[in-house]
Protein backbone atom coordinates (compact mmCIF):
# COMPACT_ATOMS: atom_id res chain seq x y z
CA MET A 1 -63.28 -12.41 -11.10
CA THR A 2 -66.29 -12.60 -13.40
CA ASN A 3 -69.21 -14.93 -12.79
CA GLU A 4 -68.17 -16.96 -15.82
CA LYS A 5 -64.69 -17.57 -14.40
CA ALA A 6 -66.16 -18.37 -10.99
CA ASN A 7 -68.52 -20.93 -12.56
CA LEU A 8 -65.65 -22.52 -14.49
CA LYS A 9 -63.61 -22.80 -11.30
CA LEU A 10 -66.55 -24.47 -9.56
CA THR A 11 -66.58 -27.11 -12.26
CA LEU A 12 -63.00 -28.13 -11.51
CA GLU A 13 -63.72 -27.91 -7.79
CA LYS A 14 -66.73 -30.21 -8.14
CA ALA A 15 -64.59 -32.71 -10.03
CA GLN A 16 -61.98 -32.47 -7.27
CA GLU A 17 -64.69 -33.29 -4.72
CA GLN A 18 -65.78 -36.34 -6.73
CA PHE A 19 -62.21 -37.64 -6.99
CA THR A 20 -61.57 -36.99 -3.29
CA ILE A 21 -64.68 -38.92 -2.28
CA TRP A 22 -63.73 -41.80 -4.56
CA ARG A 23 -60.19 -41.90 -3.21
CA LYS A 24 -61.41 -41.89 0.40
CA THR A 25 -64.07 -44.56 -0.08
CA ARG A 26 -62.38 -47.08 -2.38
CA LYS A 27 -61.46 -50.34 -0.74
CA LYS A 28 -58.07 -50.86 -2.39
CA ARG A 29 -55.80 -49.36 -5.01
CA GLY A 30 -57.24 -49.80 -8.42
CA SER A 31 -58.18 -48.18 -11.67
CA ILE A 32 -60.07 -44.94 -11.77
CA PRO A 33 -63.68 -45.64 -12.78
CA GLU A 34 -64.63 -44.63 -16.32
CA LYS A 35 -67.28 -42.29 -14.90
CA LEU A 36 -64.55 -40.22 -13.23
CA TRP A 37 -62.33 -40.34 -16.32
CA ASN A 38 -65.26 -38.97 -18.31
CA VAL A 39 -65.62 -36.12 -15.80
CA ALA A 40 -61.92 -35.29 -16.21
CA ILE A 41 -62.10 -35.53 -20.01
CA SER A 42 -65.13 -33.24 -20.14
CA LEU A 43 -63.16 -30.55 -18.31
CA ALA A 44 -60.76 -30.38 -21.27
CA GLU A 45 -63.27 -28.18 -23.09
CA THR A 46 -62.63 -25.49 -20.47
CA TYR A 47 -59.26 -26.20 -18.84
CA THR A 48 -55.82 -27.23 -20.05
CA ILE A 49 -54.60 -30.79 -19.59
CA HIS A 50 -52.05 -29.43 -17.12
CA GLN A 51 -54.70 -27.71 -14.98
CA ILE A 52 -56.85 -30.83 -14.90
CA SER A 53 -54.02 -33.27 -14.15
CA LYS A 54 -52.72 -31.00 -11.37
CA GLY A 55 -56.14 -30.28 -9.93
CA LEU A 56 -57.29 -33.90 -9.94
CA ASN A 57 -53.89 -35.48 -9.26
CA LEU A 58 -53.94 -37.49 -12.50
CA ASN A 59 -51.14 -38.69 -14.73
CA HIS A 60 -50.71 -35.96 -17.35
CA THR A 61 -49.81 -38.33 -20.20
CA VAL A 62 -52.68 -40.74 -19.53
CA LEU A 63 -55.16 -37.87 -19.35
CA LYS A 64 -53.78 -36.33 -22.54
CA ASP A 65 -54.07 -39.66 -24.39
CA ARG A 66 -57.66 -40.12 -23.21
CA VAL A 67 -58.67 -36.59 -24.20
CA GLU A 68 -57.07 -36.99 -27.63
CA ALA A 69 -58.79 -40.35 -28.16
CA LYS A 70 -62.14 -38.86 -27.21
CA THR A 71 -61.77 -35.80 -29.45
CA LYS A 72 -60.56 -37.60 -32.60
CA PRO A 73 -63.09 -37.72 -35.42
CA GLY A 74 -65.17 -40.87 -35.16
CA ALA A 75 -64.49 -41.28 -31.42
CA LYS A 76 -67.37 -42.17 -29.16
């Protein structure tokens, strides 16, 4: 495995750590914070939607919709 691939894998692993911490420390079931959604969306530049949704245990369709909304021209 090249260093580049190892670094990319670490990015998904770091996101997994952030989601795990959030899931363990939240007080009740609720919406995923926008900060974490932004982390997941940013991974779409490197990973497929499938890899991200599987790795972070996210709804594939919701993630796909958020990524598409973020990458449309004129999106914030």
